[in-house]
Amino acid sequence: MKKDNHQISNQITEGVIWKQLLFFFFPILFGTFFQQLYNTTDAVIVGKFVGKEALAAVGGPAATLINLLIGFFTGLSSGATVIISQYYGAGKQEEVKKTVHTAMALSIAGGAVMMILGFLFSGAALQAMNTPDDILSLSIVYMRVYFLGVIPSLIYNMGSGILRAVGDSRRPLYFLILSCIANIVLDILFVTILKMGVLGVAVATALSQVISAGMVIAALLKTEDSYKLFLKEIRFSPYFLHNIIRIGLPAGIQSTMYSISNLIVQSSINSFGTDTIAAWTAYGKVDGIFWMIMGAYGVAITTFAGQNFGAGKYERIRKSVRICLAMSAFTSILLSVIVLAGGRIFFGMFTNDPDVVSIGLGMMKVISPSYITYVCIEILGGTTRGCGDAIPPMLMTAVGVCVLRVAWILAAVPLRPEVSTVAFSYPLTWTVTSLLFIIYYLRGRWLKRCRNMG
């Protein structure tokens, strides 16, 4: 395995760029597809077999709050992925080893804190979001059970990030497929056979996360490469923890601000009632097709940039950006066409309620045509973070997406209290933020700053 991984790394720093991007992209894409299927299965089963209240409880305010905390840690763990990819690209084996063990210690400690916070404060947070009474108790049950199993989830995310950092995007895919299958089987067992409702979905998710964490730990224990995991050596190394936080904290804050702005959007959606919440939940699952593909491009370019930065191949980074932008732009246009053409079919997977479908189609017509306006945020942001420049992307996203989106919700929605007004906050903020990223990238100071830090 050691030889194979180094061959993959050499291809990232020396092979044909578009081929290597796609070689790395597709396993990540399939992995995020199964992650989306993992989440969508919960929504489909409770929506069809329990009701629209359960659908809203699983995918509405509860999911937004979960994403707030999970998103922060995922952003923080991206710091480990960047640092490991840079060290691995530079051939610094001891630094890779220490970063891996610090990263796993961070996932365990972070998971413990998150579990306590999520369990204790889920009810109060849901009430603060104006969650309707008919789904409040169900949402609380889902959140509390989910957070009881959050440590394995964070271990899997961190372990997968380590594997991707060294160029192995296939095994995280295999692990996710198996855990997804387990989740589907357990969903069917707990919801349709044992009639456990929302509780059954939450328990199935938690058990599936334990399975995925076990597989990724086994992979790290068995390898003979520099990223091999030794359980007795899992501890914080201050220098490497500082490096992880230096890159990861801005990404974590960025993700949190995204989630906070989405919380405000969700609160605005909640004021329109359960039908609208259910429609927003269902559209979020359809919309997830776009996010999973863009996220795969983002992870691919971040790792690609990180390893090439570690190898000192800066022009290769710029070429990879141009290629990745072209591929992601084409994909976003294709997705807009597919989603708009199949909208009614997609919504029919989640609910047969005509009011919910009608509201969801209205949301789709506002957001889906503008997917291409998000592309530069993901690709240029992933590139600069992969090279170690994390704070400016965070600031641009904070202002262009989060602050502007909140301002729009607070100022425009009261003047025109319609769901379409809420939905328009997405294309508006994506366009503004993409322009900021384009200007910043073309000025080139991000690469000079990274080279000076290196």
Protein backbone atom coordinates (compact mmCIF):
# COMPACT_ATOMS: atom_id res chain seq x y z
CA MET A 1 0.00 0.00 0.00
CA LYS A 2 2.89 2.34 0.71
CA LYS A 3 4.16 2.05 -2.84
CA ASP A 4 0.67 2.47 -4.31
CA ASN A 5 -0.03 5.62 -2.34
CA HIS A 6 3.25 7.21 -3.27
CA GLN A 7 2.52 6.43 -6.92
CA ILE A 8 -0.82 8.22 -6.54
CA SER A 9 0.92 11.17 -4.90
CA ASN A 10 3.48 11.34 -7.72
CA GLN A 11 0.66 11.37 -10.26
CA ILE A 12 -0.97 14.30 -8.46
CA THR A 13 2.26 16.27 -8.68
CA GLU A 14 3.44 15.03 -12.09
CA GLY A 15 0.63 13.38 -14.11
CA VAL A 16 -1.78 14.83 -16.68
CA ILE A 17 -3.79 17.38 -14.70
CA TRP A 18 -7.30 16.79 -15.99
CA LYS A 19 -6.95 13.03 -15.74
CA GLN A 20 -5.65 13.20 -12.18
CA LEU A 21 -8.37 15.64 -11.13
CA LEU A 22 -11.02 13.30 -12.49
CA PHE A 23 -9.29 10.25 -11.03
CA PHE A 24 -9.46 11.91 -7.63
CA PHE A 25 -12.83 13.58 -8.20
CA PHE A 26 -14.99 10.57 -9.07
CA PRO A 27 -14.40 8.52 -5.89
CA ILE A 28 -15.13 11.65 -3.86
CA LEU A 29 -18.23 12.31 -5.97
CA PHE A 30 -19.52 8.78 -5.52
CA GLY A 31 -18.72 9.06 -1.83
CA THR A 32 -20.71 12.27 -1.46
CA PHE A 33 -23.47 10.69 -3.55
CA PHE A 34 -23.74 7.87 -1.04
CA GLN A 35 -23.54 10.40 1.79
CA GLN A 36 -26.46 12.20 0.20
CA LEU A 37 -28.26 8.89 -0.30
CA TYR A 38 -27.48 8.16 3.34
CA ASN A 39 -29.34 11.32 4.38
CA THR A 40 -32.01 11.18 1.69
CA THR A 41 -33.03 7.66 2.68
CA ASP A 42 -34.05 8.98 6.10
CA ALA A 43 -36.21 11.67 4.50
CA VAL A 44 -37.78 9.36 1.91
CA ILE A 45 -38.71 6.65 4.41
CA VAL A 46 -40.17 8.94 7.08
CA GLY A 47 -41.89 11.09 4.46
CA LYS A 48 -43.56 8.09 2.83
CA PHE A 49 -44.20 5.86 5.85
CA VAL A 50 -44.65 8.29 8.75
CA GLY A 51 -45.83 11.63 7.34
CA LYS A 52 -44.90 15.16 6.42
CA GLU A 53 -44.44 16.13 10.09
CA ALA A 54 -41.74 13.48 10.44
CA LEU A 55 -40.17 14.64 7.15
CA ALA A 56 -40.03 18.20 8.45
CA ALA A 57 -38.66 17.01 11.81
CA VAL A 58 -35.79 15.01 10.28
CA GLY A 59 -34.78 17.47 7.56
CA GLY A 60 -35.91 20.90 8.75
CA PRO A 61 -34.65 22.84 11.79
CA ALA A 62 -32.99 19.76 13.33
CA ALA A 63 -30.87 19.14 10.24
CA THR A 64 -29.88 22.81 10.08
CA LEU A 65 -28.69 22.78 13.70
CA ILE A 66 -26.81 19.50 13.21
CA ASN A 67 -25.09 20.93 10.15
CA LEU A 68 -24.05 23.95 12.22
CA LEU A 69 -21.98 21.87 14.63
CA ILE A 70 -20.86 19.15 12.21
CA GLY A 71 -19.93 21.80 9.64
CA PHE A 72 -17.69 23.60 12.12
CA PHE A 73 -15.76 20.43 12.88
CA THR A 74 -15.59 19.43 9.22
CA GLY A 75 -14.07 22.82 8.46
CA LEU A 76 -11.67 22.45 11.37
CA SER A 77 -10.64 18.96 10.23
CA SER A 78 -9.93 20.30 6.74
CA GLY A 79 -6.90 21.94 8.33
CA ALA A 80 -5.52 18.46 9.03
CA THR A 81 -6.21 17.39 5.45
CA VAL A 82 -4.34 20.40 4.05
CA ILE A 83 -1.35 20.05 6.39
CA ILE A 84 -1.06 16.30 5.79
CA SER A 85 -1.29 16.72 2.01
CA GLN A 86 1.47 19.35 2.09
CA TYR A 87 3.76 17.22 4.27
CA TYR A 88 3.01 14.12 2.21
CA GLY A 89 3.73 15.95 -1.04
CA ALA A 90 7.03 17.16 0.43
CA GLY A 91 7.95 13.65 1.66
CA LYS A 92 8.05 14.64 5.38
CA GLN A 93 7.04 11.32 6.95
CA GLU A 94 7.53 12.16 10.63
CA GLU A 95 5.46 15.32 10.29
CA VAL A 96 2.69 13.31 8.57
CA LYS A 97 2.67 10.81 11.45
CA LYS A 98 2.41 13.42 14.19
CA THR A 99 -0.28 15.38 12.36
CA VAL A 100 -2.37 12.21 11.91
CA HIS A 101 -2.33 11.39 15.62
CA THR A 102 -3.07 14.97 16.62
CA ALA A 103 -5.96 15.03 14.14
CA MET A 104 -7.52 11.87 15.58
CA ALA A 105 -7.19 13.24 19.12
CA LEU A 106 -8.98 16.36 17.94
CA SER A 107 -11.85 14.35 16.47
CA ILE A 108 -12.38 12.40 19.71
CA ALA A 109 -12.20 15.47 21.97
CA GLY A 110 -14.31 17.57 19.60
CA GLY A 111 -16.89 14.80 19.35
CA ALA A 112 -17.22 14.56 23.12
CA VAL A 113 -17.84 18.29 23.45
CA MET A 114 -20.30 18.26 20.57
CA MET A 115 -22.19 15.30 22.00
CA ILE A 116 -22.74 17.07 25.33
CA LEU A 117 -23.74 20.39 23.75
CA GLY A 118 -26.06 18.78 21.23
CA PHE A 119 -27.83 16.62 23.78
CA LEU A 120 -28.31 19.35 26.38
CA PHE A 121 -29.28 22.31 24.23
CA SER A 122 -31.15 20.81 21.26
CA GLY A 123 -34.58 21.62 22.68
CA ALA A 124 -33.77 25.24 23.48
CA ALA A 125 -32.15 25.77 20.09
CA LEU A 126 -35.13 24.35 18.21
CA GLN A 127 -37.52 26.58 20.17
CA ALA A 128 -35.36 29.61 19.42
CA MET A 129 -35.76 28.83 15.71
CA ASN A 130 -39.56 29.05 15.95
CA THR A 131 -39.94 25.34 15.22
CA PRO A 132 -43.68 24.58 14.88
CA ASP A 133 -45.25 22.71 17.81
CA ASP A 134 -46.36 19.79 15.65
CA ILE A 135 -42.75 18.82 14.86
CA LEU A 136 -40.87 20.13 17.92
CA SER A 137 -40.90 16.95 20.03
CA LEU A 138 -39.97 14.78 17.02
CA SER A 139 -37.08 17.12 16.14
CA ILE A 140 -35.74 16.98 19.70
CA VAL A 141 -35.77 13.16 19.68
CA TYR A 142 -33.92 13.06 16.35
CA MET A 143 -31.26 15.55 17.44
CA ARG A 144 -30.52 13.97 20.80
CA VAL A 145 -30.08 10.47 19.43
CA TYR A 146 -27.99 11.81 16.55
CA PHE A 147 -25.59 13.59 18.91
CA LEU A 148 -25.21 10.52 21.11
CA GLY A 149 -23.51 8.93 18.09
CA VAL A 150 -21.56 11.95 16.88
CA ILE A 151 -18.05 10.82 17.95
CA PRO A 152 -17.93 7.96 15.40
CA SER A 153 -19.16 10.39 12.74
CA LEU A 154 -16.29 12.79 13.41
CA ILE A 155 -13.76 9.95 13.51
CA TYR A 156 -14.94 8.79 10.09
CA ASN A 157 -14.77 12.33 8.65
CA MET A 158 -11.26 12.88 10.01
CA GLY A 159 -10.03 9.46 8.94
CA SER A 160 -11.44 9.91 5.44
CA GLY A 161 -9.77 13.32 5.24
CA ILE A 162 -6.43 11.72 6.15
CA LEU A 163 -6.79 9.09 3.42
CA ARG A 164 -7.76 11.69 0.82
CA ALA A 165 -4.83 13.90 1.85
CA VAL A 166 -2.40 11.15 0.80
CA GLY A 167 -4.24 10.58 -2.47
CA ASP A 168 -6.47 7.66 -1.47
CA SER A 169 -10.03 8.65 -2.35
CA ARG A 170 -11.23 5.10 -3.04
CA ARG A 171 -11.35 3.50 0.40
CA PRO A 172 -13.43 6.30 1.97
CA LEU A 173 -15.89 5.63 -0.86
CA TYR A 174 -16.03 1.91 -0.12
CA PHE A 175 -16.56 2.54 3.59
CA LEU A 176 -19.33 5.02 2.89
CA ILE A 177 -21.11 2.64 0.50
CA LEU A 178 -21.14 -0.10 3.11
CA SER A 179 -22.38 2.22 5.87
CA CYS A 180 -25.01 3.61 3.51
CA ILE A 181 -26.30 0.12 2.81
CA ALA A 182 -26.38 -0.54 6.54
CA ASN A 183 -28.33 2.69 7.09
CA ILE A 184 -30.93 1.77 4.46
CA VAL A 185 -31.41 -1.72 5.93
CA LEU A 186 -31.69 -0.34 9.47
CA ASP A 187 -34.09 2.42 8.34
CA ILE A 188 -36.38 -0.18 6.78
CA LEU A 189 -36.14 -2.38 9.88
CA PHE A 190 -36.73 0.34 12.48
CA VAL A 191 -39.28 2.50 10.61
CA THR A 192 -41.32 0.23 8.35
CA ILE A 193 -41.19 -3.01 10.38
CA LEU A 194 -40.71 -1.98 14.02
CA LYS A 195 -42.68 1.29 13.55
CA MET A 196 -40.19 3.38 15.55
CA GLY A 197 -40.75 6.51 13.43
CA VAL A 198 -38.26 9.37 13.81
CA LEU A 199 -36.50 7.57 16.67
CA GLY A 200 -35.83 4.63 14.35
CA VAL A 201 -34.24 6.87 11.72
CA ALA A 202 -31.98 8.48 14.33
CA VAL A 203 -30.87 5.12 15.78
CA ALA A 204 -30.18 3.76 12.30
CA THR A 205 -28.02 6.78 11.49
CA ALA A 206 -26.04 6.47 14.73
CA LEU A 207 -25.36 2.75 14.23
CA SER A 208 -24.29 3.31 10.63
CA GLN A 209 -21.80 5.95 11.76
CA VAL A 210 -20.25 3.45 14.16
CA ILE A 211 -19.77 1.04 11.24
CA SER A 212 -18.09 3.67 9.03
CA ALA A 213 -15.79 4.81 11.86
CA GLY A 214 -14.71 1.23 12.54
CA MET A 215 -13.76 0.67 8.92
CA VAL A 216 -11.71 3.85 8.56
CA ILE A 217 -9.83 3.18 11.80
CA ALA A 218 -9.04 -0.35 10.61
CA ALA A 219 -7.61 1.08 7.37
CA LEU A 220 -5.37 3.50 9.24
CA LEU A 221 -4.19 0.78 11.61
CA LYS A 222 -3.27 -1.65 8.83
CA THR A 223 -1.31 0.64 6.48
CA GLU A 224 2.49 0.65 6.53
CA ASP A 225 2.76 4.17 5.13
CA SER A 226 3.66 7.30 7.11
CA TYR A 227 0.01 7.96 8.01
CA LYS A 228 -0.30 4.67 9.95
CA LEU A 229 -2.35 5.06 13.14
CA PHE A 230 -1.08 3.83 16.52
CA LEU A 231 -3.82 3.95 19.13
CA LYS A 232 -1.37 4.50 21.99
CA GLU A 233 0.10 7.53 20.22
CA ILE A 234 -3.18 9.43 19.78
CA ARG A 235 -2.46 12.68 21.57
CA PHE A 236 -2.16 16.41 20.95
CA SER A 237 1.20 17.65 19.64
CA PRO A 238 1.08 21.43 20.22
CA TYR A 239 2.99 22.44 17.08
CA PHE A 240 0.90 20.30 14.75
CA LEU A 241 -2.33 21.19 16.54
CA HIS A 242 -1.45 24.85 15.94
CA ASN A 243 -0.92 24.14 12.23
CA ILE A 244 -4.25 22.32 11.97
CA ILE A 245 -6.08 25.13 13.74
CA ARG A 246 -4.29 27.81 11.70
CA ILE A 247 -5.79 26.36 8.52
CA GLY A 248 -8.88 24.67 9.87
CA LEU A 249 -10.29 27.28 12.26
CA PRO A 250 -11.03 29.86 9.54
CA ALA A 251 -12.71 27.11 7.50
CA GLY A 252 -14.65 26.03 10.59
CA ILE A 253 -15.73 29.61 11.29
CA GLN A 254 -16.71 29.98 7.64
CA SER A 255 -18.83 26.85 7.83
CA THR A 256 -20.40 28.04 11.07
CA MET A 257 -21.28 31.39 9.54
CA TYR A 258 -22.80 29.56 6.58
CA SER A 259 -24.86 27.53 9.01
CA ILE A 260 -25.87 30.55 11.08
CA SER A 261 -27.08 32.32 7.98
CA ASN A 262 -28.94 29.14 7.04
CA LEU A 263 -30.43 29.03 10.53
CA ILE A 264 -31.85 32.48 9.93
CA VAL A 265 -33.12 31.35 6.53
CA GLN A 266 -34.64 28.27 8.18
CA SER A 267 -36.29 30.43 10.84
CA SER A 268 -37.79 32.54 8.07
CA ILE A 269 -38.97 29.38 6.30
CA ASN A 270 -40.47 28.11 9.57
CA SER A 271 -42.72 31.15 9.76
CA PHE A 272 -44.52 29.96 6.60
CA GLY A 273 -45.69 26.70 8.26
CA THR A 274 -45.16 22.94 8.10
CA ASP A 275 -45.92 22.58 4.36
CA THR A 276 -43.18 25.06 3.52
CA ILE A 277 -40.72 23.40 5.93
CA ALA A 278 -41.43 20.02 4.31
CA ALA A 279 -40.97 21.54 0.83
CA TRP A 280 -37.70 23.17 1.90
CA THR A 281 -36.53 19.84 3.32
CA ALA A 282 -37.38 17.96 0.13
CA TYR A 283 -35.78 20.62 -2.07
CA GLY A 284 -32.69 20.50 0.12
CA LYS A 285 -32.30 16.83 -0.75
CA VAL A 286 -32.69 17.57 -4.48
CA ASP A 287 -30.35 20.52 -4.17
CA GLY A 288 -27.88 18.20 -2.46
CA ILE A 289 -27.02 16.74 -5.87
CA PHE A 290 -25.40 20.04 -6.76
CA TRP A 291 -23.67 20.42 -3.41
CA MET A 292 -22.21 16.95 -3.44
CA ILE A 293 -20.67 17.48 -6.89
CA MET A 294 -19.29 20.92 -6.07
CA GLY A 295 -17.99 19.59 -2.77
CA ALA A 296 -16.18 16.79 -4.63
CA TYR A 297 -14.55 19.33 -6.93
CA GLY A 298 -13.60 21.39 -3.89
CA VAL A 299 -11.97 18.48 -2.06
CA ALA A 300 -10.16 17.40 -5.22
CA ILE A 301 -8.67 20.84 -5.93
CA THR A 302 -7.77 21.38 -2.26
CA THR A 303 -5.77 18.15 -2.07
CA PHE A 304 -4.33 18.69 -5.56
CA ALA A 305 -3.20 22.22 -4.64
CA GLY A 306 -1.88 21.09 -1.24
CA GLN A 307 0.37 18.34 -2.58
CA ASN A 308 1.65 20.48 -5.46
CA PHE A 309 2.30 23.35 -3.07
CA GLY A 310 4.31 20.99 -0.86
CA ALA A 311 6.26 19.91 -3.95
CA GLY A 312 6.83 23.55 -4.97
CA LYS A 313 4.96 23.27 -8.29
CA TYR A 314 3.09 26.57 -8.30
CA GLU A 315 2.37 26.89 -12.02
CA ARG A 316 0.83 23.43 -11.95
CA ILE A 317 -1.58 24.74 -9.30
CA ARG A 318 -2.71 27.57 -11.58
CA LYS A 319 -3.26 25.19 -14.50
CA SER A 320 -5.30 22.86 -12.33
CA VAL A 321 -7.51 25.78 -11.28
CA ARG A 322 -8.34 26.67 -14.87
CA ILE A 323 -9.17 23.06 -15.71
CA CYS A 324 -11.22 22.51 -12.57
CA LEU A 325 -13.19 25.73 -13.12
CA ALA A 326 -14.10 24.64 -16.64
CA MET A 327 -15.22 21.19 -15.51
CA SER A 328 -17.28 22.50 -12.59
CA ALA A 329 -18.91 25.25 -14.69
CA PHE A 330 -20.03 22.71 -17.29
CA THR A 331 -21.34 20.43 -14.56
CA SER A 332 -23.30 23.22 -12.86
CA ILE A 333 -25.07 24.19 -16.10
CA LEU A 334 -25.95 20.55 -16.79
CA LEU A 335 -27.32 20.13 -13.27
CA SER A 336 -29.48 23.24 -13.56
CA VAL A 337 -31.11 21.77 -16.66
CA ILE A 338 -31.62 18.33 -15.09
CA VAL A 339 -33.05 19.61 -11.81
CA LEU A 340 -35.45 22.05 -13.47
CA ALA A 341 -36.62 19.46 -16.01
CA GLY A 342 -37.23 16.75 -13.43
CA GLY A 343 -38.44 18.87 -10.53
CA ARG A 344 -41.90 17.35 -10.12
CA ILE A 345 -40.49 13.83 -10.36
CA PHE A 346 -37.87 14.58 -7.72
CA PHE A 347 -40.41 16.02 -5.29
CA GLY A 348 -42.68 13.04 -5.86
CA MET A 349 -39.99 10.86 -4.28
CA PHE A 350 -40.53 12.56 -0.93
CA THR A 351 -44.21 13.43 -0.71
CA ASN A 352 -47.53 13.17 -2.50
CA ASP A 353 -48.90 16.32 -0.89
CA PRO A 354 -49.72 18.74 -3.77
CA ASP A 355 -49.25 21.86 -1.64
CA VAL A 356 -45.75 20.78 -0.57
CA VAL A 357 -44.79 19.94 -4.18
CA SER A 358 -46.10 23.30 -5.46
CA ILE A 359 -44.15 25.28 -2.86
CA GLY A 360 -41.00 23.26 -3.57
CA LEU A 361 -41.18 23.85 -7.32
CA GLY A 362 -41.38 27.57 -6.67
CA MET A 363 -38.18 27.42 -4.61
CA MET A 364 -36.47 25.38 -7.31
CA LYS A 365 -37.22 27.90 -10.07
CA VAL A 366 -35.45 30.64 -8.11
CA ILE A 367 -32.33 28.79 -6.93
CA SER A 368 -31.48 26.05 -9.43
CA PRO A 369 -30.83 28.24 -12.53
CA SER A 370 -28.11 30.10 -10.61
CA TYR A 371 -25.87 27.14 -9.69
CA ILE A 372 -23.04 28.41 -11.88
CA THR A 373 -22.69 31.54 -9.75
CA TYR A 374 -21.37 29.39 -6.88
CA VAL A 375 -18.56 27.64 -8.77
CA CYS A 376 -15.77 30.17 -8.13
CA ILE A 377 -16.41 30.15 -4.39
CA GLU A 378 -15.77 26.42 -4.17
CA ILE A 379 -12.85 26.08 -6.60
CA LEU A 380 -10.90 29.25 -5.82
CA GLY A 381 -11.56 28.92 -2.11
CA GLY A 382 -10.41 25.29 -2.12
CA THR A 383 -7.24 26.22 -4.01
CA THR A 384 -6.17 29.00 -1.67
CA ARG A 385 -6.93 26.91 1.43
CA GLY A 386 -5.00 23.98 -0.03
CA CYS A 387 -1.97 26.25 -0.26
CA GLY A 388 -2.40 27.36 3.35
CA ASP A 389 -4.18 30.69 2.83
CA ALA A 390 -7.29 30.27 4.96
CA ILE A 391 -8.27 33.62 6.49
CA PRO A 392 -9.08 35.72 3.36
CA PRO A 393 -11.45 33.05 1.94
CA MET A 394 -13.19 32.95 5.31
CA LEU A 395 -13.57 36.74 5.39
CA MET A 396 -14.87 36.94 1.82
CA THR A 397 -17.40 34.21 2.46
CA ALA A 398 -18.42 35.78 5.76
CA VAL A 399 -19.19 39.10 4.13
CA GLY A 400 -20.38 38.00 0.70
CA VAL A 401 -22.53 35.06 1.73
CA CYS A 402 -23.32 35.17 5.41
CA VAL A 403 -23.66 38.87 6.26
CA LEU A 404 -25.34 39.76 2.99
CA ARG A 405 -27.75 36.80 3.24
CA VAL A 406 -28.78 37.72 6.77
CA ALA A 407 -29.21 41.36 5.77
CA TRP A 408 -31.42 40.32 2.86
CA ILE A 409 -33.61 38.11 5.07
CA LEU A 410 -33.99 40.80 7.71
CA ALA A 411 -34.57 43.67 5.28
CA ALA A 412 -36.25 42.26 2.17
CA VAL A 413 -38.48 39.46 3.50
CA PRO A 414 -40.58 41.73 5.76
CA LEU A 415 -41.22 43.99 2.76
CA ARG A 416 -42.18 41.04 0.54
CA PRO A 417 -43.04 38.07 2.79
CA GLU A 418 -42.90 35.30 0.21
CA VAL A 419 -40.91 32.09 -0.03
CA SER A 420 -39.37 33.28 -3.33
CA THR A 421 -37.91 36.29 -1.51
CA VAL A 422 -36.17 33.98 0.93
CA ALA A 423 -34.92 31.74 -1.88
CA PHE A 424 -33.46 34.68 -3.82
CA SER A 425 -30.94 35.22 -1.03
CA TYR A 426 -28.93 32.30 -2.45
CA PRO A 427 -28.22 33.45 -6.04
CA LEU A 428 -27.71 37.01 -4.79
CA THR A 429 -25.03 36.09 -2.27
CA TRP A 430 -23.33 33.51 -4.50
CA THR A 431 -22.86 36.08 -7.25
CA VAL A 432 -21.40 38.74 -4.95
CA THR A 433 -19.02 36.31 -3.23
CA SER A 434 -17.82 34.76 -6.49
CA LEU A 435 -16.83 38.21 -7.73
CA LEU A 436 -14.82 38.76 -4.53
CA PHE A 437 -13.00 35.43 -5.00
CA ILE A 438 -12.20 36.13 -8.65
CA ILE A 439 -10.66 39.51 -7.82
CA TYR A 440 -8.64 38.06 -4.93
CA TYR A 441 -7.37 35.09 -6.92
CA LEU A 442 -6.32 37.14 -9.94
CA ARG A 443 -4.32 39.57 -7.76
CA GLY A 444 -2.14 36.59 -6.75
CA ARG A 445 -1.21 37.69 -3.23
CA TRP A 446 -2.54 34.44 -1.78
CA LEU A 447 0.28 32.40 -3.38
CA LYS A 448 2.99 34.89 -2.38
CA ARG A 449 1.75 34.82 1.22
CA CYS A 450 1.75 31.03 1.28
CA ARG A 451 5.24 30.79 -0.17
CA ASN A 452 6.53 33.20 2.47
CA MET A 453 4.89 31.15 5.25
CA GLY A 454 6.26 27.94 3.79
